[in-house]
Amino acid sequence: MLTLTLGFAMQLLLLISLLLLLPLPGFSRELRQPYRYDRYDGNPGQNQPRNLERN
């Protein structure tokens, strides 16, 4: 019974540590560059400025 609870605690700690390693979406990138609304797709963190073709 002790090994079951110890294994459960180890899995829980591993899951929490892996979740802490994942960056929040749009958080780390917004510190480097400000919000850009070049493409209105609702996610300003992934918006890159487009190279517009000239006529």
C-alpha atoms as a PDB file:
ATOM      1  CA  MET A   1       0.000   0.000   0.000  1.00  0.00           C
ATOM      2  CA  LEU A   2       2.922   2.308   0.671  1.00  0.00           C
ATOM      3  CA  THR A   3       4.338   1.784  -2.816  1.00  0.00           C
ATOM      4  CA  LEU A   4       1.013   2.679  -4.422  1.00  0.00           C
ATOM      5  CA  THR A   5       0.754   5.975  -2.583  1.00  0.00           C
ATOM      6  CA  LEU A   6       4.441   6.705  -3.175  1.00  0.00           C
ATOM      7  CA  GLY A   7       4.053   6.046  -6.885  1.00  0.00           C
ATOM      8  CA  PHE A   8       0.967   8.226  -7.022  1.00  0.00           C
ATOM      9  CA  ALA A   9       2.824  11.043  -5.281  1.00  0.00           C
ATOM     10  CA  MET A  10       5.765  10.692  -7.669  1.00  0.00           C
ATOM     11  CA  GLN A  11       3.470  10.841 -10.697  1.00  0.00           C
ATOM     12  CA  LEU A  12       1.709  13.876  -9.273  1.00  0.00           C
ATOM     13  CA  LEU A  13       4.981  15.696  -8.650  1.00  0.00           C
ATOM     14  CA  LEU A  14       6.206  14.824 -12.142  1.00  0.00           C
ATOM     15  CA  LEU A  15       2.994  16.111 -13.698  1.00  0.00           C
ATOM     16  CA  ILE A  16       3.154  19.374 -11.746  1.00  0.00           C
ATOM     17  CA  SER A  17       6.811  19.907 -12.644  1.00  0.00           C
ATOM     18  CA  LEU A  18       6.119  19.280 -16.331  1.00  0.00           C
ATOM     19  CA  LEU A  19       3.217  21.709 -16.263  1.00  0.00           C
ATOM     20  CA  LEU A  20       5.444  24.342 -14.693  1.00  0.00           C
ATOM     21  CA  LEU A  21       8.009  23.862 -17.451  1.00  0.00           C
ATOM     22  CA  LEU A  22       5.455  24.602 -20.162  1.00  0.00           C
ATOM     23  CA  PRO A  23       5.341  28.305 -21.022  1.00  0.00           C
ATOM     24  CA  LEU A  24       1.974  29.971 -21.024  1.00  0.00           C
ATOM     25  CA  PRO A  25       0.809  30.688 -24.589  1.00  0.00           C
ATOM     26  CA  GLY A  26       1.445  34.291 -25.540  1.00  0.00           C
ATOM     27  CA  PHE A  27       3.145  35.198 -22.275  1.00  0.00           C
ATOM     28  CA  SER A  28       6.851  34.840 -22.990  1.00  0.00           C
ATOM     29  CA  ARG A  29       6.596  36.322 -26.473  1.00  0.00           C
ATOM     30  CA  GLU A  30       4.721  39.450 -25.373  1.00  0.00           C
ATOM     31  CA  LEU A  31       7.580  40.387 -23.071  1.00  0.00           C
ATOM     32  CA  ARG A  32       9.915  40.694 -26.053  1.00  0.00           C
ATOM     33  CA  GLN A  33       7.666  42.361 -28.596  1.00  0.00           C
ATOM     34  CA  PRO A  34       4.405  44.281 -28.131  1.00  0.00           C
ATOM     35  CA  TYR A  35       1.022  43.187 -29.356  1.00  0.00           C
ATOM     36  CA  ARG A  36       0.650  43.089 -33.117  1.00  0.00           C
ATOM     37  CA  TYR A  37      -2.721  42.904 -34.795  1.00  0.00           C
ATOM     38  CA  ASP A  38      -1.557  42.335 -38.352  1.00  0.00           C
ATOM     39  CA  ARG A  39      -3.700  39.237 -38.850  1.00  0.00           C
ATOM     40  CA  TYR A  40      -7.031  39.390 -37.070  1.00  0.00           C
ATOM     41  CA  ASP A  41      -7.121  35.740 -36.051  1.00  0.00           C
ATOM     42  CA  GLY A  42      -7.555  36.401 -32.343  1.00  0.00           C
ATOM     43  CA  ASN A  43      -4.071  35.316 -31.269  1.00  0.00           C
ATOM     44  CA  PRO A  44      -1.791  38.373 -31.251  1.00  0.00           C
ATOM     45  CA  GLY A  45       1.221  36.369 -30.066  1.00  0.00           C
ATOM     46  CA  GLN A  46       1.582  34.437 -33.310  1.00  0.00           C
ATOM     47  CA  ASN A  47       0.865  37.315 -35.674  1.00  0.00           C
ATOM     48  CA  GLN A  48       3.782  38.073 -37.935  1.00  0.00           C
ATOM     49  CA  PRO A  49       3.779  41.051 -40.308  1.00  0.00           C
ATOM     50  CA  ARG A  50       3.050  40.032 -43.864  1.00  0.00           C
ATOM     51  CA  ASN A  51       5.211  40.863 -46.856  1.00  0.00           C
ATOM     52  CA  LEU A  52       2.699  42.592 -49.094  1.00  0.00           C
ATOM     53  CA  GLU A  53       3.224  42.289 -52.835  1.00  0.00           C
ATOM     54  CA  ARG A  54       3.474  45.481 -54.821  1.00  0.00           C
ATOM     55  CA  ASN A  55       1.403  45.942 -57.973  1.00  0.00           C
END
